[in-house]
Amino acid sequence: MAESNLLYDVSTLGEAMLRISVAPGVALDTAESAALHTAGAESNVACALAALGHHVAWASRLPDSPPGRRIAGDLRRAGVDLTHLTWCKSGRVGSFYVELTLPPTPVRVTYDRAGSCATEMRADSIDWPRLLRTRLLHLTGITPALSADCLATTREAARRAREQGVPISFDVNFRRKLWPPEIARETLLPLMQGTDLLFIAEADAAEVFGLDGAPENRIEALRELTQAKRIILSIGGEGVLAWDGTALHHQPAQPTAMIDRLGAGDALAAGVIHGWLGGDFTGGLQAGAALAALCLRRHGDIVLCTRSELQELIQSASSRPQR
């Protein structure tokens, strides 16, 4: 599609939820207060990219209620285009409760998302000709796990994008609480074929696709499985190992304090996509590492950062005040 006909830099679709978090060291069972944040894998990426100045569209469904309007307001303030958001007269938003336990104890997440408005998203309700006037379609492995309708919608999005030559970014984002690994593998592999950007965590590569061994070997196996053009493998505290189509690149994690351990993977994806949109994949890896570190030291899943602020984060490892 000619650049002059494009409306968006990135289009995406999925569920956004209300995140309810209790303070570190406080058990949900006895908590007397909590913090509210908007969260969702695709909407997290959308917000981060919109804050960086990209035109981003997000398709979903929300109830016309205070929780729904709260979520929409957060995305709108970040700069996300909500043209493709459907307002429902009734229904609910999904939510999840977070206990921010201190390392090495894992963060405890309890979902309450069944039957949300977003799970009833249907392919025939989306304006595909408009949504896919984009430079990149970003999908994740979470939305297909939510319902049969969401799976069909994700498949339709990928099918239409491929037919129209729209590049696809795909983040595996496996959630065991949504489906077992064998079903995830069977469902996601067709969606991952030939993607321009494939994001996957080392743990997901092992659990869903049975890929063990050195990160280099896992990437080689993923290349054979998916024919992806670029692969970004998260390797925990060591950062990411990425394949750009010809060579491997190791991007170390940026040292940081850790306040909130959720959302860093989405921040990483946003940074890489930001670089890819600018024709600089390795620069995107640096941006992803910086945004992931920033997310870890802020409350909430969404990280908002301007381009100038991002450059400062990349270029300066100093903790001295910038005056």
C-alpha atoms as a PDB file:
ATOM      1  CA  MET A   1       0.000   0.000   0.000  1.00  0.00           C
ATOM      2  CA  ALA A   2       1.347   3.419  -0.934  1.00  0.00           C
ATOM      3  CA  GLU A   3       2.543   5.564   1.990  1.00  0.00           C
ATOM      4  CA  SER A   4       0.126   8.319   0.935  1.00  0.00           C
ATOM      5  CA  ASN A   5      -2.831   5.983   1.562  1.00  0.00           C
ATOM      6  CA  LEU A   6      -1.796   5.012   5.076  1.00  0.00           C
ATOM      7  CA  LEU A   7      -3.633   6.278   8.144  1.00  0.00           C
ATOM      8  CA  TYR A   8      -1.587   4.674  10.905  1.00  0.00           C
ATOM      9  CA  ASP A   9       1.932   3.689  11.807  1.00  0.00           C
ATOM     10  CA  VAL A  10       0.648   0.790  13.898  1.00  0.00           C
ATOM     11  CA  SER A  11      -2.751  -0.854  14.269  1.00  0.00           C
ATOM     12  CA  THR A  12      -3.580  -3.377  16.965  1.00  0.00           C
ATOM     13  CA  LEU A  13      -6.530  -5.062  18.650  1.00  0.00           C
ATOM     14  CA  GLY A  14      -7.158  -6.733  21.984  1.00  0.00           C
ATOM     15  CA  GLU A  15      -8.536  -6.394  25.483  1.00  0.00           C
ATOM     16  CA  ALA A  16      -7.700  -3.620  27.928  1.00  0.00           C
ATOM     17  CA  MET A  17      -8.470  -4.216  31.595  1.00  0.00           C
ATOM     18  CA  LEU A  18      -8.479  -2.528  34.950  1.00  0.00           C
ATOM     19  CA  ARG A  19      -5.514  -3.555  37.043  1.00  0.00           C
ATOM     20  CA  ILE A  20      -6.038  -3.429  40.827  1.00  0.00           C
ATOM     21  CA  SER A  21      -2.736  -3.511  42.720  1.00  0.00           C
ATOM     22  CA  VAL A  22      -1.940  -3.674  46.398  1.00  0.00           C
ATOM     23  CA  ALA A  23       1.306  -2.292  47.786  1.00  0.00           C
ATOM     24  CA  PRO A  24       4.450  -4.436  48.005  1.00  0.00           C
ATOM     25  CA  GLY A  25       4.402  -6.591  51.100  1.00  0.00           C
ATOM     26  CA  VAL A  26       0.595  -6.386  51.443  1.00  0.00           C
ATOM     27  CA  ALA A  27      -1.564  -9.459  50.884  1.00  0.00           C
ATOM     28  CA  LEU A  28      -4.703  -9.007  48.802  1.00  0.00           C
ATOM     29  CA  ASP A  29      -6.704 -10.910  51.421  1.00  0.00           C
ATOM     30  CA  THR A  30      -6.100  -8.196  54.018  1.00  0.00           C
ATOM     31  CA  ALA A  31      -5.446  -5.083  51.898  1.00  0.00           C
ATOM     32  CA  GLU A  32      -7.375  -1.944  52.838  1.00  0.00           C
ATOM     33  CA  SER A  33      -6.496   0.064  49.720  1.00  0.00           C
ATOM     34  CA  ALA A  34      -5.367  -0.506  46.146  1.00  0.00           C
ATOM     35  CA  ALA A  35      -4.193   1.389  43.073  1.00  0.00           C
ATOM     36  CA  LEU A  36      -6.030   1.375  39.736  1.00  0.00           C
ATOM     37  CA  HIS A  37      -4.262   1.235  36.377  1.00  0.00           C
ATOM     38  CA  THR A  38      -5.276   0.492  32.807  1.00  0.00           C
ATOM     39  CA  ALA A  39      -3.459  -2.516  31.364  1.00  0.00           C
ATOM     40  CA  GLY A  40      -3.508  -4.881  28.410  1.00  0.00           C
ATOM     41  CA  ALA A  41      -0.699  -6.227  26.225  1.00  0.00           C
ATOM     42  CA  GLU A  42      -1.784  -4.556  22.991  1.00  0.00           C
ATOM     43  CA  SER A  43      -3.008  -1.330  24.587  1.00  0.00           C
ATOM     44  CA  ASN A  44       0.254  -1.043  26.567  1.00  0.00           C
ATOM     45  CA  VAL A  45       2.206  -1.138  23.306  1.00  0.00           C
ATOM     46  CA  ALA A  46      -0.242   1.253  21.654  1.00  0.00           C
ATOM     47  CA  CYS A  47       0.112   3.830  24.433  1.00  0.00           C
ATOM     48  CA  ALA A  48       3.911   3.687  24.490  1.00  0.00           C
ATOM     49  CA  LEU A  49       4.141   4.137  20.719  1.00  0.00           C
ATOM     50  CA  ALA A  50       1.575   6.934  20.680  1.00  0.00           C
ATOM     51  CA  ALA A  51       3.541   8.783  23.375  1.00  0.00           C
ATOM     52  CA  LEU A  52       6.594   8.490  21.109  1.00  0.00           C
ATOM     53  CA  GLY A  53       4.690  10.340  18.412  1.00  0.00           C
ATOM     54  CA  HIS A  54       3.392   7.478  16.270  1.00  0.00           C
ATOM     55  CA  HIS A  55      -0.167   7.358  14.983  1.00  0.00           C
ATOM     56  CA  VAL A  56      -1.596   4.211  16.574  1.00  0.00           C
ATOM     57  CA  ALA A  57      -5.072   2.681  16.277  1.00  0.00           C
ATOM     58  CA  TRP A  58      -6.494   0.209  18.784  1.00  0.00           C
ATOM     59  CA  ALA A  59      -9.615  -1.859  18.092  1.00  0.00           C
ATOM     60  CA  SER A  60     -11.619  -3.323  20.947  1.00  0.00           C
ATOM     61  CA  ARG A  61     -14.909  -3.252  22.870  1.00  0.00           C
ATOM     62  CA  LEU A  62     -15.664  -1.470  26.139  1.00  0.00           C
ATOM     63  CA  PRO A  63     -18.851  -0.962  28.143  1.00  0.00           C
ATOM     64  CA  ASP A  64     -20.213   2.569  28.373  1.00  0.00           C
ATOM     65  CA  SER A  65     -19.684   2.619  32.127  1.00  0.00           C
ATOM     66  CA  PRO A  66     -17.250   4.331  34.527  1.00  0.00           C
ATOM     67  CA  PRO A  67     -14.654   1.504  34.252  1.00  0.00           C
ATOM     68  CA  GLY A  68     -14.937   1.477  30.462  1.00  0.00           C
ATOM     69  CA  ARG A  69     -14.659   5.243  30.224  1.00  0.00           C
ATOM     70  CA  ARG A  70     -11.686   5.191  32.590  1.00  0.00           C
ATOM     71  CA  ILE A  71      -9.806   2.814  30.278  1.00  0.00           C
ATOM     72  CA  ALA A  72     -10.704   4.780  27.147  1.00  0.00           C
ATOM     73  CA  GLY A  73      -9.656   8.031  28.820  1.00  0.00           C
ATOM     74  CA  ASP A  74      -6.218   6.662  29.692  1.00  0.00           C
ATOM     75  CA  LEU A  75      -5.631   5.504  26.113  1.00  0.00           C
ATOM     76  CA  ARG A  76      -6.972   8.725  24.635  1.00  0.00           C
ATOM     77  CA  ARG A  77      -4.693  10.818  26.868  1.00  0.00           C
ATOM     78  CA  ALA A  78      -1.725   8.761  25.676  1.00  0.00           C
ATOM     79  CA  GLY A  79      -2.663   9.691  22.107  1.00  0.00           C
ATOM     80  CA  VAL A  80      -4.142   6.398  20.886  1.00  0.00           C
ATOM     81  CA  ASP A  81      -6.731   6.601  18.069  1.00  0.00           C
ATOM     82  CA  LEU A  82      -9.991   5.085  19.352  1.00  0.00           C
ATOM     83  CA  THR A  83     -11.901   5.254  16.064  1.00  0.00           C
ATOM     84  CA  HIS A  84     -12.156   1.439  16.077  1.00  0.00           C
ATOM     85  CA  LEU A  85     -13.419   1.148  19.662  1.00  0.00           C
ATOM     86  CA  THR A  86     -16.971  -0.184  19.981  1.00  0.00           C
ATOM     87  CA  TRP A  87     -19.011   1.035  22.947  1.00  0.00           C
ATOM     88  CA  CYS A  88     -21.345  -1.562  24.465  1.00  0.00           C
ATOM     89  CA  LYS A  89     -24.594  -0.575  26.189  1.00  0.00           C
ATOM     90  CA  SER A  90     -24.072  -3.250  28.826  1.00  0.00           C
ATOM     91  CA  GLY A  91     -21.395  -5.663  29.958  1.00  0.00           C
ATOM     92  CA  ARG A  92     -18.187  -5.387  31.903  1.00  0.00           C
ATOM     93  CA  VAL A  93     -14.470  -4.780  31.609  1.00  0.00           C
ATOM     94  CA  GLY A  94     -12.018  -7.478  32.543  1.00  0.00           C
ATOM     95  CA  SER A  95      -9.932  -6.871  35.632  1.00  0.00           C
ATOM     96  CA  PHE A  96      -7.015  -8.428  37.435  1.00  0.00           C
ATOM     97  CA  TYR A  97      -5.616  -8.159  40.932  1.00  0.00           C
ATOM     98  CA  VAL A  98      -1.884  -7.848  41.521  1.00  0.00           C
ATOM     99  CA  GLU A  99       0.109  -8.538  44.664  1.00  0.00           C
ATOM    100  CA  LEU A 100       3.453  -6.835  44.184  1.00  0.00           C
ATOM    101  CA  THR A 101       5.519  -9.251  46.212  1.00  0.00           C
ATOM    102  CA  LEU A 102       9.220  -8.524  46.597  1.00  0.00           C
ATOM    103  CA  PRO A 103      11.840 -10.607  44.735  1.00  0.00           C
ATOM    104  CA  PRO A 104      12.491 -13.483  44.619  1.00  0.00           C
ATOM    105  CA  THR A 105       8.785 -14.220  45.238  1.00  0.00           C
ATOM    106  CA  PRO A 106       6.836 -14.102  41.941  1.00  0.00           C
ATOM    107  CA  VAL A 107       4.199 -11.417  41.469  1.00  0.00           C
ATOM    108  CA  ARG A 108       0.795 -12.937  42.150  1.00  0.00           C
ATOM    109  CA  VAL A 109      -1.908 -12.197  39.568  1.00  0.00           C
ATOM    110  CA  THR A 110      -5.596 -13.107  39.934  1.00  0.00           C
ATOM    111  CA  TYR A 111      -7.780 -12.596  36.850  1.00  0.00           C
ATOM    112  CA  ASP A 112     -11.463 -11.676  36.691  1.00  0.00           C
ATOM    113  CA  ARG A 113     -11.939 -11.270  32.946  1.00  0.00           C
ATOM    114  CA  ALA A 114     -14.382 -13.968  31.793  1.00  0.00           C
ATOM    115  CA  GLY A 115     -17.265 -12.619  29.716  1.00  0.00           C
ATOM    116  CA  SER A 116     -15.914  -9.102  29.295  1.00  0.00           C
ATOM    117  CA  CYS A 117     -17.125  -6.980  26.387  1.00  0.00           C
ATOM    118  CA  ALA A 118     -13.795  -7.507  24.636  1.00  0.00           C
ATOM    119  CA  THR A 119     -14.272 -11.286  24.544  1.00  0.00           C
ATOM    120  CA  GLU A 120     -17.273 -10.718  22.240  1.00  0.00           C
ATOM    121  CA  MET A 121     -15.201  -8.888  19.627  1.00  0.00           C
ATOM    122  CA  ARG A 122     -16.260 -10.118  16.186  1.00  0.00           C
ATOM    123  CA  ALA A 123     -14.416  -9.941  12.890  1.00  0.00           C
ATOM    124  CA  ASP A 124     -17.450  -8.613  11.032  1.00  0.00           C
ATOM    125  CA  SER A 125     -17.705  -5.596  13.351  1.00  0.00           C
ATOM    126  CA  ILE A 126     -14.272  -4.194  12.491  1.00  0.00           C
ATOM    127  CA  ASP A 127     -13.643  -1.735   9.683  1.00  0.00           C
ATOM    128  CA  TRP A 128     -10.751  -3.712   8.194  1.00  0.00           C
ATOM    129  CA  PRO A 129     -10.148  -1.485   5.152  1.00  0.00           C
ATOM    130  CA  ARG A 130      -9.520   1.446   7.502  1.00  0.00           C
ATOM    131  CA  LEU A 131      -7.734  -0.380  10.367  1.00  0.00           C
ATOM    132  CA  LEU A 132      -5.285  -2.025   7.956  1.00  0.00           C
ATOM    133  CA  ARG A 133      -4.256   1.219   6.283  1.00  0.00           C
ATOM    134  CA  THR A 134      -1.198   0.918   8.483  1.00  0.00           C
ATOM    135  CA  ARG A 135       2.541   0.355   8.312  1.00  0.00           C
ATOM    136  CA  LEU A 136       2.356  -2.488  10.840  1.00  0.00           C
ATOM    137  CA  LEU A 137      -0.257  -4.716  12.468  1.00  0.00           C
ATOM    138  CA  HIS A 138       0.647  -5.749  16.022  1.00  0.00           C
ATOM    139  CA  LEU A 139      -0.944  -8.906  17.453  1.00  0.00           C
ATOM    140  CA  THR A 140      -0.364 -11.024  20.540  1.00  0.00           C
ATOM    141  CA  GLY A 141      -1.032 -14.564  21.687  1.00  0.00           C
ATOM    142  CA  ILE A 142      -3.313 -13.326  24.457  1.00  0.00           C
ATOM    143  CA  THR A 143      -6.309 -12.239  22.382  1.00  0.00           C
ATOM    144  CA  PRO A 144      -6.761 -15.613  20.567  1.00  0.00           C
ATOM    145  CA  ALA A 145      -6.983 -17.309  23.974  1.00  0.00           C
ATOM    146  CA  LEU A 146      -9.868 -15.173  25.256  1.00  0.00           C
ATOM    147  CA  SER A 147     -12.760 -16.642  23.253  1.00  0.00           C
ATOM    148  CA  ALA A 148     -13.702 -18.276  19.968  1.00  0.00           C
ATOM    149  CA  ASP A 149     -14.762 -14.856  18.657  1.00  0.00           C
ATOM    150  CA  CYS A 150     -11.408 -13.321  19.610  1.00  0.00           C
ATOM    151  CA  LEU A 151      -9.541 -16.177  17.945  1.00  0.00           C
ATOM    152  CA  ALA A 152     -11.569 -15.761  14.751  1.00  0.00           C
ATOM    153  CA  THR A 153     -10.986 -12.000  14.806  1.00  0.00           C
ATOM    154  CA  THR A 154      -7.221 -12.413  15.255  1.00  0.00           C
ATOM    155  CA  ARG A 155      -7.085 -14.935  12.418  1.00  0.00           C
ATOM    156  CA  GLU A 156      -9.044 -12.594  10.168  1.00  0.00           C
ATOM    157  CA  ALA A 157      -6.727  -9.713  11.014  1.00  0.00           C
ATOM    158  CA  ALA A 158      -3.653 -11.779  10.130  1.00  0.00           C
ATOM    159  CA  ARG A 159      -5.241 -13.150   6.951  1.00  0.00           C
ATOM    160  CA  ARG A 160      -6.254  -9.742   5.649  1.00  0.00           C
ATOM    161  CA  ALA A 161      -2.892  -8.199   6.558  1.00  0.00           C
ATOM    162  CA  ARG A 162      -1.028 -10.888   4.634  1.00  0.00           C
ATOM    163  CA  GLU A 163      -3.307 -10.510   1.621  1.00  0.00           C
ATOM    164  CA  GLN A 164      -2.693  -6.754   1.589  1.00  0.00           C
ATOM    165  CA  GLY A 165       1.027  -6.970   2.244  1.00  0.00           C
ATOM    166  CA  VAL A 166       0.800  -5.323   5.669  1.00  0.00           C
ATOM    167  CA  PRO A 167       3.767  -6.318   7.878  1.00  0.00           C
ATOM    168  CA  ILE A 168       2.839  -8.172  11.092  1.00  0.00           C
ATOM    169  CA  SER A 169       4.382  -7.961  14.543  1.00  0.00           C
ATOM    170  CA  PHE A 170       3.490 -10.848  16.868  1.00  0.00           C
ATOM    171  CA  ASP A 171       4.213 -11.225  20.592  1.00  0.00           C
ATOM    172  CA  VAL A 172       3.622 -14.782  21.847  1.00  0.00           C
ATOM    173  CA  ASN A 173       2.803 -13.610  25.406  1.00  0.00           C
ATOM    174  CA  PHE A 174       1.771 -17.069  26.648  1.00  0.00           C
ATOM    175  CA  ARG A 175      -0.641 -17.084  29.604  1.00  0.00           C
ATOM    176  CA  ARG A 176      -1.015 -20.467  31.255  1.00  0.00           C
ATOM    177  CA  LYS A 177      -4.099 -19.252  33.127  1.00  0.00           C
ATOM    178  CA  LEU A 178      -5.847 -18.819  29.765  1.00  0.00           C
ATOM    179  CA  TRP A 179      -4.918 -22.077  27.995  1.00  0.00           C
ATOM    180  CA  PRO A 180      -2.520 -25.042  28.119  1.00  0.00           C
ATOM    181  CA  PRO A 181       0.757 -24.902  26.158  1.00  0.00           C
ATOM    182  CA  GLU A 182      -0.178 -27.621  23.672  1.00  0.00           C
ATOM    183  CA  ILE A 183      -3.318 -25.750  22.569  1.00  0.00           C
ATOM    184  CA  ALA A 184      -1.395 -22.475  22.449  1.00  0.00           C
ATOM    185  CA  ARG A 185       1.257 -24.045  20.199  1.00  0.00           C
ATOM    186  CA  GLU A 186      -1.305 -25.491  17.785  1.00  0.00           C
ATOM    187  CA  THR A 187      -3.222 -22.207  17.608  1.00  0.00           C
ATOM    188  CA  LEU A 188      -0.363 -19.715  17.491  1.00  0.00           C
ATOM    189  CA  LEU A 189       2.044 -21.347  15.047  1.00  0.00           C
ATOM    190  CA  PRO A 190      -0.074 -20.487  11.978  1.00  0.00           C
ATOM    191  CA  LEU A 191      -0.384 -16.883  13.187  1.00  0.00           C
ATOM    192  CA  MET A 192       3.388 -16.611  13.639  1.00  0.00           C
ATOM    193  CA  GLN A 193       4.305 -17.699  10.113  1.00  0.00           C
ATOM    194  CA  GLY A 194       6.403 -15.177   8.205  1.00  0.00           C
ATOM    195  CA  THR A 195       5.887 -12.340  10.679  1.00  0.00           C
ATOM    196  CA  ASP A 196       8.152  -9.326  10.295  1.00  0.00           C
ATOM    197  CA  LEU A 197       8.740  -9.077  14.046  1.00  0.00           C
ATOM    198  CA  LEU A 198       8.362 -12.052  16.387  1.00  0.00           C
ATOM    199  CA  PHE A 199       8.645 -11.449  20.139  1.00  0.00           C
ATOM    200  CA  ILE A 200       8.961 -14.369  22.527  1.00  0.00           C
ATOM    201  CA  ALA A 201      10.267 -14.917  26.059  1.00  0.00           C
ATOM    202  CA  GLU A 202      12.777 -17.672  26.720  1.00  0.00           C
ATOM    203  CA  ALA A 203      10.346 -19.354  29.138  1.00  0.00           C
ATOM    204  CA  ASP A 204       7.557 -19.351  26.508  1.00  0.00           C
ATOM    205  CA  ALA A 205       9.885 -20.813  23.890  1.00  0.00           C
ATOM    206  CA  ALA A 206      10.512 -23.715  26.263  1.00  0.00           C
ATOM    207  CA  GLU A 207       7.004 -24.227  27.636  1.00  0.00           C
ATOM    208  CA  VAL A 208       4.958 -23.733  24.466  1.00  0.00           C
ATOM    209  CA  PHE A 209       7.349 -24.908  21.759  1.00  0.00           C
ATOM    210  CA  GLY A 210       9.669 -27.222  23.692  1.00  0.00           C
ATOM    211  CA  LEU A 211      12.768 -25.246  22.711  1.00  0.00           C
ATOM    212  CA  ASP A 212      15.604 -25.636  25.197  1.00  0.00           C
ATOM    213  CA  GLY A 213      19.333 -25.040  25.022  1.00  0.00           C
ATOM    214  CA  ALA A 214      21.347 -21.920  24.279  1.00  0.00           C
ATOM    215  CA  PRO A 215      19.440 -18.803  23.153  1.00  0.00           C
ATOM    216  CA  GLU A 216      21.152 -19.008  19.748  1.00  0.00           C
ATOM    217  CA  ASN A 217      19.783 -22.521  19.278  1.00  0.00           C
ATOM    218  CA  ARG A 218      16.283 -21.448  20.279  1.00  0.00           C
ATOM    219  CA  ILE A 219      16.333 -18.647  17.736  1.00  0.00           C
ATOM    220  CA  GLU A 220      17.502 -21.032  15.015  1.00  0.00           C
ATOM    221  CA  ALA A 221      14.660 -23.419  15.901  1.00  0.00           C
ATOM    222  CA  LEU A 222      12.140 -20.543  15.869  1.00  0.00           C
ATOM    223  CA  ARG A 223      13.382 -19.517  12.429  1.00  0.00           C
ATOM    224  CA  GLU A 224      12.695 -23.008  11.147  1.00  0.00           C
ATOM    225  CA  LEU A 225       9.292 -23.192  12.852  1.00  0.00           C
ATOM    226  CA  THR A 226       7.969 -19.794  11.826  1.00  0.00           C
ATOM    227  CA  GLN A 227      10.041 -18.341   8.972  1.00  0.00           C
ATOM    228  CA  ALA A 228       9.860 -15.059  10.882  1.00  0.00           C
ATOM    229  CA  LYS A 229      11.941 -12.262   9.358  1.00  0.00           C
ATOM    230  CA  ARG A 230      13.155 -10.902  12.705  1.00  0.00           C
ATOM    231  CA  ILE A 231      13.058 -12.626  16.097  1.00  0.00           C
ATOM    232  CA  ILE A 232      13.438 -10.959  19.498  1.00  0.00           C
ATOM    233  CA  LEU A 233      14.076 -13.480  22.289  1.00  0.00           C
ATOM    234  CA  SER A 234      13.880 -12.132  25.854  1.00  0.00           C
ATOM    235  CA  ILE A 235      16.488 -13.790  28.068  1.00  0.00           C
ATOM    236  CA  GLY A 236      15.589 -12.392  31.481  1.00  0.00           C
ATOM    237  CA  GLY A 237      18.186 -10.320  33.278  1.00  0.00           C
ATOM    238  CA  GLU A 238      20.592 -10.737  30.370  1.00  0.00           C
ATOM    239  CA  GLY A 239      18.388  -8.666  28.078  1.00  0.00           C
ATOM    240  CA  VAL A 240      17.439  -9.890  24.612  1.00  0.00           C
ATOM    241  CA  LEU A 241      19.021 -11.830  21.791  1.00  0.00           C
ATOM    242  CA  ALA A 242      17.673 -10.765  18.425  1.00  0.00           C
ATOM    243  CA  TRP A 243      18.046 -11.976  14.845  1.00  0.00           C
ATOM    244  CA  ASP A 244      17.665  -9.297  12.181  1.00  0.00           C
ATOM    245  CA  GLY A 245      17.414 -11.620   9.189  1.00  0.00           C
ATOM    246  CA  THR A 246      21.171 -11.916   8.707  1.00  0.00           C
ATOM    247  CA  ALA A 247      22.903 -11.639  12.085  1.00  0.00           C
ATOM    248  CA  LEU A 248      22.395 -12.023  15.823  1.00  0.00           C
ATOM    249  CA  HIS A 249      22.478  -9.060  18.202  1.00  0.00           C
ATOM    250  CA  HIS A 250      22.701  -9.167  22.003  1.00  0.00           C
ATOM    251  CA  GLN A 251      21.138  -6.184  23.742  1.00  0.00           C
ATOM    252  CA  PRO A 252      21.919  -6.200  27.481  1.00  0.00           C
ATOM    253  CA  ALA A 253      19.196  -5.250  29.930  1.00  0.00           C
ATOM    254  CA  GLN A 254      19.570  -1.725  31.246  1.00  0.00           C
ATOM    255  CA  PRO A 255      20.408  -1.723  34.984  1.00  0.00           C
ATOM    256  CA  THR A 256      17.483  -0.370  36.963  1.00  0.00           C
ATOM    257  CA  ALA A 257      15.659  -0.360  40.253  1.00  0.00           C
ATOM    258  CA  MET A 258      12.590  -2.563  40.263  1.00  0.00           C
ATOM    259  CA  ILE A 259       9.311  -1.171  41.572  1.00  0.00           C
ATOM    260  CA  ASP A 260       6.727  -2.909  39.386  1.00  0.00           C
ATOM    261  CA  ARG A 261       7.493  -6.096  37.439  1.00  0.00           C
ATOM    262  CA  LEU A 262       4.534  -6.013  35.014  1.00  0.00           C
ATOM    263  CA  GLY A 263       4.456  -4.489  31.543  1.00  0.00           C
ATOM    264  CA  ALA A 264       8.193  -4.567  30.784  1.00  0.00           C
ATOM    265  CA  GLY A 265       7.761  -7.006  27.904  1.00  0.00           C
ATOM    266  CA  ASP A 266       5.237  -4.718  26.229  1.00  0.00           C
ATOM    267  CA  ALA A 267       7.568  -1.752  26.743  1.00  0.00           C
ATOM    268  CA  LEU A 268      10.355  -3.746  25.092  1.00  0.00           C
ATOM    269  CA  ALA A 269       8.107  -4.534  22.122  1.00  0.00           C
ATOM    270  CA  ALA A 270       7.145  -0.864  21.775  1.00  0.00           C
ATOM    271  CA  GLY A 271      10.790   0.188  21.699  1.00  0.00           C
ATOM    272  CA  VAL A 272      11.724  -2.377  19.062  1.00  0.00           C
ATOM    273  CA  ILE A 273       8.725  -1.410  16.918  1.00  0.00           C
ATOM    274  CA  HIS A 274       9.684   2.257  17.322  1.00  0.00           C
ATOM    275  CA  GLY A 275      13.133   1.482  15.933  1.00  0.00           C
ATOM    276  CA  TRP A 276      11.737  -0.697  13.140  1.00  0.00           C
ATOM    277  CA  LEU A 277       9.374   2.075  12.059  1.00  0.00           C
ATOM    278  CA  GLY A 278      12.386   4.366  11.791  1.00  0.00           C
ATOM    279  CA  GLY A 279      14.409   1.828   9.809  1.00  0.00           C
ATOM    280  CA  ASP A 280      16.770   1.137  12.725  1.00  0.00           C
ATOM    281  CA  PHE A 281      16.245  -2.343  14.168  1.00  0.00           C
ATOM    282  CA  THR A 282      19.341  -2.357  16.399  1.00  0.00           C
ATOM    283  CA  GLY A 283      18.452   1.113  17.639  1.00  0.00           C
ATOM    284  CA  GLY A 284      15.028  -0.304  18.418  1.00  0.00           C
ATOM    285  CA  LEU A 285      16.649  -2.936  20.609  1.00  0.00           C
ATOM    286  CA  GLN A 286      18.324  -0.162  22.591  1.00  0.00           C
ATOM    287  CA  ALA A 287      15.043   1.714  22.828  1.00  0.00           C
ATOM    288  CA  GLY A 288      13.265  -1.443  23.961  1.00  0.00           C
ATOM    289  CA  ALA A 289      15.807  -2.072  26.718  1.00  0.00           C
ATOM    290  CA  ALA A 290      15.478   1.527  27.912  1.00  0.00           C
ATOM    291  CA  LEU A 291      11.662   1.472  27.915  1.00  0.00           C
ATOM    292  CA  ALA A 292      11.575  -1.902  29.678  1.00  0.00           C
ATOM    293  CA  ALA A 293      13.844  -0.575  32.422  1.00  0.00           C
ATOM    294  CA  LEU A 294      11.733   2.565  32.721  1.00  0.00           C
ATOM    295  CA  CYS A 295       8.602   0.437  33.056  1.00  0.00           C
ATOM    296  CA  LEU A 296      10.188  -1.613  35.840  1.00  0.00           C
ATOM    297  CA  ARG A 297      10.837   1.490  37.910  1.00  0.00           C
ATOM    298  CA  ARG A 298       7.387   3.021  37.471  1.00  0.00           C
ATOM    299  CA  HIS A 299       4.009   1.952  38.788  1.00  0.00           C
ATOM    300  CA  GLY A 300       1.584   0.504  36.248  1.00  0.00           C
ATOM    301  CA  ASP A 301       1.885  -1.476  33.010  1.00  0.00           C
ATOM    302  CA  ILE A 302       1.887   1.517  30.646  1.00  0.00           C
ATOM    303  CA  VAL A 303       5.089   3.455  30.094  1.00  0.00           C
ATOM    304  CA  LEU A 304       4.806   6.916  28.546  1.00  0.00           C
ATOM    305  CA  CYS A 305       7.933   8.633  27.300  1.00  0.00           C
ATOM    306  CA  THR A 306       8.673  11.274  24.674  1.00  0.00           C
ATOM    307  CA  ARG A 307      11.296  10.758  21.977  1.00  0.00           C
ATOM    308  CA  SER A 308      13.691  13.214  23.610  1.00  0.00           C
ATOM    309  CA  GLU A 309      13.265  11.523  26.985  1.00  0.00           C
ATOM    310  CA  LEU A 310      13.894   8.138  25.364  1.00  0.00           C
ATOM    311  CA  GLN A 311      17.118   9.379  23.798  1.00  0.00           C
ATOM    312  CA  GLU A 312      18.293  10.601  27.190  1.00  0.00           C
ATOM    313  CA  LEU A 313      17.537   7.188  28.683  1.00  0.00           C
ATOM    314  CA  ILE A 314      19.494   5.437  25.942  1.00  0.00           C
ATOM    315  CA  GLN A 315      22.478   7.771  25.935  1.00  0.00           C
ATOM    316  CA  SER A 316      22.931   8.330  29.652  1.00  0.00           C
ATOM    317  CA  ALA A 317      23.513   5.553  32.164  1.00  0.00           C
ATOM    318  CA  SER A 318      24.169   8.129  34.863  1.00  0.00           C
ATOM    319  CA  SER A 319      21.775   8.494  37.787  1.00  0.00           C
ATOM    320  CA  ARG A 320      22.770  12.154  38.254  1.00  0.00           C
ATOM    321  CA  PRO A 321      19.975  14.713  37.768  1.00  0.00           C
ATOM    322  CA  GLN A 322      19.748  16.064  34.206  1.00  0.00           C
ATOM    323  CA  ARG A 323      20.024  19.849  34.738  1.00  0.00           C
END
